Amino acid sequence: MIDFCNIDNAKSYATEANLMKALATLGLDQMRPVIVRNREGRFTAIFGLHLSGMACSGNVMAAANHGFKTIN
């Protein structure tokens, strides 16, 4: 099995509400993240570079700098 996108080491939160609050605080909530749960049942966000608009804005490291996963 190829480990395509391991989210277990991404920044995560116990509840979806806590994740959404953190994303709002970091200014990442408007970047259309995909909200997922890792194997431990914790919530994290995955950001698509083109889906989120990060590729157009030039700020492709915005989410990654805060411990979230980004995909192309």
PDB file of N, CA and C in Angstrom:
ATOM      1  N   MET A   1       0.837  -1.184   0.000  1.00  0.00           N
ATOM      2  CA  MET A   1       0.000   0.000   0.000  1.00  0.00           C
ATOM      3  C   MET A   1       0.882   1.248   0.000  1.00  0.00           C
ATOM      4  N   ILE A   2       0.567   2.184  -0.850  1.00  0.00           N
ATOM      5  CA  ILE A   2       1.291   3.447  -0.914  1.00  0.00           C
ATOM      6  C   ILE A   2       0.605   4.437   0.015  1.00  0.00           C
ATOM      7  N   ASP A   3       1.395   5.069   0.855  1.00  0.00           N
ATOM      8  CA  ASP A   3       0.864   6.055   1.795  1.00  0.00           C
ATOM      9  C   ASP A   3       0.777   7.394   1.076  1.00  0.00           C
ATOM     10  N   PHE A   4      -0.369   7.686   0.477  1.00  0.00           N
ATOM     11  CA  PHE A   4      -0.537   8.860  -0.376  1.00  0.00           C
ATOM     12  C   PHE A   4      -0.555  10.153   0.416  1.00  0.00           C
ATOM     13  N   CYS A   5      -1.359  10.232   1.426  1.00  0.00           N
ATOM     14  CA  CYS A   5      -1.474  11.463   2.214  1.00  0.00           C
ATOM     15  C   CYS A   5      -1.719  11.083   3.669  1.00  0.00           C
ATOM     16  N   ASN A   6      -0.656  10.917   4.415  1.00  0.00           N
ATOM     17  CA  ASN A   6      -0.765  10.541   5.819  1.00  0.00           C
ATOM     18  C   ASN A   6      -1.151  11.771   6.640  1.00  0.00           C
ATOM     19  N   ILE A   7      -2.333  11.735   7.214  1.00  0.00           N
ATOM     20  CA  ILE A   7      -2.807  12.887   7.989  1.00  0.00           C
ATOM     21  C   ILE A   7      -2.614  12.701   9.487  1.00  0.00           C
ATOM     22  N   ASP A   8      -2.054  11.556   9.885  1.00  0.00           N
ATOM     23  CA  ASP A   8      -1.912  11.273  11.313  1.00  0.00           C
ATOM     24  C   ASP A   8      -0.969  12.238  12.025  1.00  0.00           C
ATOM     25  N   ASN A   9      -0.029  12.829  11.298  1.00  0.00           N
ATOM     26  CA  ASN A   9       0.895  13.763  11.934  1.00  0.00           C
ATOM     27  C   ASN A   9       0.551  15.229  11.641  1.00  0.00           C
ATOM     28  N   ALA A  10      -0.626  15.456  11.087  1.00  0.00           N
ATOM     29  CA  ALA A  10      -1.073  16.828  10.822  1.00  0.00           C
ATOM     30  C   ALA A  10      -1.668  17.434  12.094  1.00  0.00           C
ATOM     31  N   LYS A  11      -1.697  18.730  12.154  1.00  0.00           N
ATOM     32  CA  LYS A  11      -2.332  19.438  13.271  1.00  0.00           C
ATOM     33  C   LYS A  11      -3.779  18.977  13.365  1.00  0.00           C
ATOM     34  N   SER A  12      -4.211  18.588  14.571  1.00  0.00           N
ATOM     35  CA  SER A  12      -5.577  18.075  14.712  1.00  0.00           C
ATOM     36  C   SER A  12      -6.203  18.557  16.012  1.00  0.00           C
ATOM     37  N   TYR A  13      -7.526  18.444  16.063  1.00  0.00           N
ATOM     38  CA  TYR A  13      -8.308  18.913  17.203  1.00  0.00           C
ATOM     39  C   TYR A  13      -9.316  17.850  17.607  1.00  0.00           C
ATOM     40  N   ALA A  14      -9.675  17.837  18.878  1.00  0.00           N
ATOM     41  CA  ALA A  14     -10.589  16.819  19.411  1.00  0.00           C
ATOM     42  C   ALA A  14     -11.991  16.927  18.820  1.00  0.00           C
ATOM     43  N   THR A  15     -12.439  18.149  18.522  1.00  0.00           N
ATOM     44  CA  THR A  15     -13.782  18.329  17.972  1.00  0.00           C
ATOM     45  C   THR A  15     -13.725  19.179  16.704  1.00  0.00           C
ATOM     46  N   GLU A  16     -14.742  19.029  15.882  1.00  0.00           N
ATOM     47  CA  GLU A  16     -14.830  19.836  14.669  1.00  0.00           C
ATOM     48  C   GLU A  16     -14.993  21.313  15.018  1.00  0.00           C
ATOM     49  N   ALA A  17     -15.725  21.596  16.081  1.00  0.00           N
ATOM     50  CA  ALA A  17     -15.920  22.989  16.510  1.00  0.00           C
ATOM     51  C   ALA A  17     -14.588  23.635  16.879  1.00  0.00           C
ATOM     52  N   ASN A  18     -13.736  22.903  17.583  1.00  0.00           N
ATOM     53  CA  ASN A  18     -12.419  23.435  17.950  1.00  0.00           C
ATOM     54  C   ASN A  18     -11.564  23.682  16.712  1.00  0.00           C
ATOM     55  N   LEU A  19     -11.633  22.763  15.748  1.00  0.00           N
ATOM     56  CA  LEU A  19     -10.889  22.940  14.503  1.00  0.00           C
ATOM     57  C   LEU A  19     -11.370  24.185  13.773  1.00  0.00           C
ATOM     58  N   MET A  20     -12.670  24.341  13.636  1.00  0.00           N
ATOM     59  CA  MET A  20     -13.213  25.492  12.916  1.00  0.00           C
ATOM     60  C   MET A  20     -12.857  26.805  13.605  1.00  0.00           C
ATOM     61  N   LYS A  21     -12.863  26.805  14.927  1.00  0.00           N
ATOM     62  CA  LYS A  21     -12.475  28.002  15.678  1.00  0.00           C
ATOM     63  C   LYS A  21     -11.005  28.337  15.422  1.00  0.00           C
ATOM     64  N   ALA A  22     -10.153  27.318  15.417  1.00  0.00           N
ATOM     65  CA  ALA A  22      -8.728  27.535  15.154  1.00  0.00           C
ATOM     66  C   ALA A  22      -8.501  28.036  13.730  1.00  0.00           C
ATOM     67  N   LEU A  23      -9.205  27.461  12.764  1.00  0.00           N
ATOM     68  CA  LEU A  23      -9.064  27.909  11.378  1.00  0.00           C
ATOM     69  C   LEU A  23      -9.476  29.369  11.236  1.00  0.00           C
ATOM     70  N   ALA A  24     -10.539  29.763  11.924  1.00  0.00           N
ATOM     71  CA  ALA A  24     -10.986  31.162  11.881  1.00  0.00           C
ATOM     72  C   ALA A  24      -9.938  32.074  12.509  1.00  0.00           C
ATOM     73  N   THR A  25      -9.383  31.656  13.623  1.00  0.00           N
ATOM     74  CA  THR A  25      -8.355  32.450  14.304  1.00  0.00           C
ATOM     75  C   THR A  25      -7.125  32.632  13.416  1.00  0.00           C
ATOM     76  N   LEU A  26      -6.761  31.580  12.683  1.00  0.00           N
ATOM     77  CA  LEU A  26      -5.585  31.620  11.810  1.00  0.00           C
ATOM     78  C   LEU A  26      -5.874  32.275  10.463  1.00  0.00           C
ATOM     79  N   GLY A  27      -7.141  32.584  10.190  1.00  0.00           N
ATOM     80  CA  GLY A  27      -7.514  33.179   8.916  1.00  0.00           C
ATOM     81  C   GLY A  27      -7.556  32.179   7.773  1.00  0.00           C
ATOM     82  N   LEU A  28      -7.715  30.897   8.093  1.00  0.00           N
ATOM     83  CA  LEU A  28      -7.732  29.854   7.072  1.00  0.00           C
ATOM     84  C   LEU A  28      -9.129  29.324   6.784  1.00  0.00           C
ATOM     85  N   ASP A  29     -10.124  29.801   7.485  1.00  0.00           N
ATOM     86  CA  ASP A  29     -11.481  29.254   7.352  1.00  0.00           C
ATOM     87  C   ASP A  29     -12.133  29.569   6.008  1.00  0.00           C
ATOM     88  N   GLN A  30     -11.706  30.599   5.323  1.00  0.00           N
ATOM     89  CA  GLN A  30     -12.295  30.962   4.033  1.00  0.00           C
ATOM     90  C   GLN A  30     -11.585  30.298   2.854  1.00  0.00           C
ATOM     91  N   MET A  31     -10.616  29.436   3.130  1.00  0.00           N
ATOM     92  CA  MET A  31      -9.838  28.786   2.069  1.00  0.00           C
ATOM     93  C   MET A  31     -10.416  27.440   1.658  1.00  0.00           C
ATOM     94  N   ARG A  32     -11.634  27.149   2.036  1.00  0.00           N
ATOM     95  CA  ARG A  32     -12.365  25.939   1.643  1.00  0.00           C
ATOM     96  C   ARG A  32     -11.604  24.646   1.920  1.00  0.00           C
ATOM     97  N   PRO A  33     -11.234  24.399   3.158  1.00  0.00           N
ATOM     98  CA  PRO A  33     -10.536  23.149   3.463  1.00  0.00           C
ATOM     99  C   PRO A  33     -11.485  21.955   3.440  1.00  0.00           C
ATOM    100  N   VAL A  34     -10.921  20.786   3.243  1.00  0.00           N
ATOM    101  CA  VAL A  34     -11.657  19.534   3.377  1.00  0.00           C
ATOM    102  C   VAL A  34     -11.444  19.084   4.819  1.00  0.00           C
ATOM    103  N   ILE A  35     -12.523  18.923   5.566  1.00  0.00           N
ATOM    104  CA  ILE A  35     -12.435  18.526   6.973  1.00  0.00           C
ATOM    105  C   ILE A  35     -12.511  17.004   7.043  1.00  0.00           C
ATOM    106  N   VAL A  36     -11.521  16.401   7.686  1.00  0.00           N
ATOM    107  CA  VAL A  36     -11.443  14.940   7.789  1.00  0.00           C
ATOM    108  C   VAL A  36     -11.071  14.546   9.213  1.00  0.00           C
ATOM    109  N   ARG A  37     -11.227  13.254   9.495  1.00  0.00           N
ATOM    110  CA  ARG A  37     -10.819  12.719  10.795  1.00  0.00           C
ATOM    111  C   ARG A  37      -9.659  11.763  10.581  1.00  0.00           C
ATOM    112  N   ASN A  38      -8.674  11.830  11.476  1.00  0.00           N
ATOM    113  CA  ASN A  38      -7.549  10.910  11.368  1.00  0.00           C
ATOM    114  C   ASN A  38      -7.888   9.580  12.040  1.00  0.00           C
ATOM    115  N   ARG A  39      -6.935   8.676  12.092  1.00  0.00           N
ATOM    116  CA  ARG A  39      -7.189   7.341  12.645  1.00  0.00           C
ATOM    117  C   ARG A  39      -7.526   7.363  14.124  1.00  0.00           C
ATOM    118  N   GLU A  40      -7.125   8.422  14.810  1.00  0.00           N
ATOM    119  CA  GLU A  40      -7.434   8.559  16.237  1.00  0.00           C
ATOM    120  C   GLU A  40      -8.784   9.221  16.469  1.00  0.00           C
ATOM    121  N   GLY A  41      -9.469   9.610  15.399  1.00  0.00           N
ATOM    122  CA  GLY A  41     -10.775  10.247  15.514  1.00  0.00           C
ATOM    123  C   GLY A  41     -10.715  11.748  15.713  1.00  0.00           C
ATOM    124  N   ARG A  42      -9.530  12.337  15.559  1.00  0.00           N
ATOM    125  CA  ARG A  42      -9.377  13.782  15.712  1.00  0.00           C
ATOM    126  C   ARG A  42      -9.594  14.467  14.361  1.00  0.00           C
ATOM    127  N   PHE A  43     -10.030  15.711  14.407  1.00  0.00           N
ATOM    128  CA  PHE A  43     -10.360  16.465  13.197  1.00  0.00           C
ATOM    129  C   PHE A  43      -9.165  17.274  12.713  1.00  0.00           C
ATOM    130  N   THR A  44      -8.977  17.293  11.400  1.00  0.00           N
ATOM    131  CA  THR A  44      -7.944  18.109  10.784  1.00  0.00           C
ATOM    132  C   THR A  44      -8.471  18.639   9.455  1.00  0.00           C
ATOM    133  N   ALA A  45      -7.717  19.509   8.845  1.00  0.00           N
ATOM    134  CA  ALA A  45      -8.119  20.103   7.571  1.00  0.00           C
ATOM    135  C   ALA A  45      -7.051  19.835   6.524  1.00  0.00           C
ATOM    136  N   ILE A  46      -7.496  19.535   5.319  1.00  0.00           N
ATOM    137  CA  ILE A  46      -6.599  19.382   4.182  1.00  0.00           C
ATOM    138  C   ILE A  46      -6.945  20.486   3.196  1.00  0.00           C
ATOM    139  N   PHE A  47      -5.921  21.177   2.723  1.00  0.00           N
ATOM    140  CA  PHE A  47      -6.120  22.301   1.815  1.00  0.00           C
ATOM    141  C   PHE A  47      -5.612  21.948   0.427  1.00  0.00           C
ATOM    142  N   GLY A  48      -6.467  22.120  -0.571  1.00  0.00           N
ATOM    143  CA  GLY A  48      -6.062  21.954  -1.968  1.00  0.00           C
ATOM    144  C   GLY A  48      -5.509  23.277  -2.461  1.00  0.00           C
ATOM    145  N   LEU A  49      -4.317  23.255  -3.019  1.00  0.00           N
ATOM    146  CA  LEU A  49      -3.680  24.508  -3.433  1.00  0.00           C
ATOM    147  C   LEU A  49      -4.530  25.289  -4.424  1.00  0.00           C
ATOM    148  N   HIS A  50      -5.152  24.605  -5.359  1.00  0.00           N
ATOM    149  CA  HIS A  50      -5.968  25.302  -6.359  1.00  0.00           C
ATOM    150  C   HIS A  50      -7.394  25.504  -5.872  1.00  0.00           C
ATOM    151  N   LEU A  51      -7.911  24.555  -5.113  1.00  0.00           N
ATOM    152  CA  LEU A  51      -9.262  24.650  -4.566  1.00  0.00           C
ATOM    153  C   LEU A  51      -9.388  25.828  -3.603  1.00  0.00           C
ATOM    154  N   SER A  52      -8.343  26.044  -2.812  1.00  0.00           N
ATOM    155  CA  SER A  52      -8.392  27.055  -1.761  1.00  0.00           C
ATOM    156  C   SER A  52      -8.066  28.454  -2.256  1.00  0.00           C
ATOM    157  N   GLY A  53      -7.475  28.549  -3.443  1.00  0.00           N
ATOM    158  CA  GLY A  53      -7.056  29.854  -3.941  1.00  0.00           C
ATOM    159  C   GLY A  53      -5.646  30.220  -3.532  1.00  0.00           C
ATOM    160  N   MET A  54      -4.985  29.348  -2.771  1.00  0.00           N
ATOM    161  CA  MET A  54      -3.618  29.644  -2.331  1.00  0.00           C
ATOM    162  C   MET A  54      -2.663  29.754  -3.510  1.00  0.00           C
ATOM    163  N   ALA A  55      -2.866  28.947  -4.547  1.00  0.00           N
ATOM    164  CA  ALA A  55      -1.974  28.980  -5.704  1.00  0.00           C
ATOM    165  C   ALA A  55      -2.056  30.328  -6.414  1.00  0.00           C
ATOM    166  N   CYS A  56      -3.249  30.880  -6.518  1.00  0.00           N
ATOM    167  CA  CYS A  56      -3.434  32.175  -7.184  1.00  0.00           C
ATOM    168  C   CYS A  56      -2.907  33.332  -6.350  1.00  0.00           C
ATOM    169  N   SER A  57      -3.087  33.231  -5.035  1.00  0.00           N
ATOM    170  CA  SER A  57      -2.676  34.329  -4.159  1.00  0.00           C
ATOM    171  C   SER A  57      -1.182  34.337  -3.897  1.00  0.00           C
ATOM    172  N   GLY A  58      -0.506  33.225  -4.224  1.00  0.00           N
ATOM    173  CA  GLY A  58       0.927  33.147  -3.989  1.00  0.00           C
ATOM    174  C   GLY A  58       1.287  32.709  -2.589  1.00  0.00           C
ATOM    175  N   ASN A  59       0.299  32.482  -1.748  1.00  0.00           N
ATOM    176  CA  ASN A  59       0.559  32.101  -0.362  1.00  0.00           C
ATOM    177  C   ASN A  59       0.331  30.600  -0.188  1.00  0.00           C
ATOM    178  N   VAL A  60       1.134  29.800  -0.898  1.00  0.00           N
ATOM    179  CA  VAL A  60       0.930  28.352  -0.895  1.00  0.00           C
ATOM    180  C   VAL A  60       1.342  27.696   0.415  1.00  0.00           C
ATOM    181  N   MET A  61       2.048  28.380   1.263  1.00  0.00           N
ATOM    182  CA  MET A  61       2.495  27.814   2.533  1.00  0.00           C
ATOM    183  C   MET A  61       1.608  28.222   3.701  1.00  0.00           C
ATOM    184  N   ALA A  62       0.546  28.961   3.451  1.00  0.00           N
ATOM    185  CA  ALA A  62      -0.299  29.484   4.532  1.00  0.00           C
ATOM    186  C   ALA A  62      -0.777  28.394   5.474  1.00  0.00           C
ATOM    187  N   ALA A  63      -1.335  27.329   4.960  1.00  0.00           N
ATOM    188  CA  ALA A  63      -1.860  26.250   5.806  1.00  0.00           C
ATOM    189  C   ALA A  63      -0.744  25.365   6.336  1.00  0.00           C
ATOM    190  N   ALA A  64       0.230  25.051   5.488  1.00  0.00           N
ATOM    191  CA  ALA A  64       1.330  24.173   5.898  1.00  0.00           C
ATOM    192  C   ALA A  64       2.135  24.776   7.046  1.00  0.00           C
ATOM    193  N   ASN A  65       2.272  26.077   7.062  1.00  0.00           N
ATOM    194  CA  ASN A  65       3.010  26.734   8.150  1.00  0.00           C
ATOM    195  C   ASN A  65       2.347  26.531   9.506  1.00  0.00           C
ATOM    196  N   HIS A  66       1.070  26.194   9.504  1.00  0.00           N
ATOM    197  CA  HIS A  66       0.333  25.975  10.752  1.00  0.00           C
ATOM    198  C   HIS A  66       0.114  24.494  11.047  1.00  0.00           C
ATOM    199  N   GLY A  67       0.773  23.610  10.294  1.00  0.00           N
ATOM    200  CA  GLY A  67       0.716  22.182  10.578  1.00  0.00           C
ATOM    201  C   GLY A  67      -0.346  21.394   9.850  1.00  0.00           C
ATOM    202  N   PHE A  68      -1.035  22.021   8.890  1.00  0.00           N
ATOM    203  CA  PHE A  68      -2.057  21.328   8.120  1.00  0.00           C
ATOM    204  C   PHE A  68      -1.468  20.797   6.819  1.00  0.00           C
ATOM    205  N   LYS A  69      -2.092  19.776   6.268  1.00  0.00           N
ATOM    206  CA  LYS A  69      -1.641  19.178   5.009  1.00  0.00           C
ATOM    207  C   LYS A  69      -2.183  19.969   3.830  1.00  0.00           C
ATOM    208  N   THR A  70      -1.371  20.040   2.769  1.00  0.00           N
ATOM    209  CA  THR A  70      -1.808  20.658   1.525  1.00  0.00           C
ATOM    210  C   THR A  70      -1.604  19.656   0.395  1.00  0.00           C
ATOM    211  N   ILE A  71      -2.497  19.684  -0.573  1.00  0.00           N
ATOM    212  CA  ILE A  71      -2.385  18.830  -1.750  1.00  0.00           C
ATOM    213  C   ILE A  71      -2.534  19.691  -2.985  1.00  0.00           C
ATOM    214  N   ASN A  72      -2.009  19.208  -4.096  1.00  0.00           N
ATOM    215  CA  ASN A  72      -2.076  19.960  -5.336  1.00  0.00           C
ATOM    216  C   ASN A  72      -3.342  19.631  -6.079  1.00  0.00           C
TER     217      ASN A  72
END
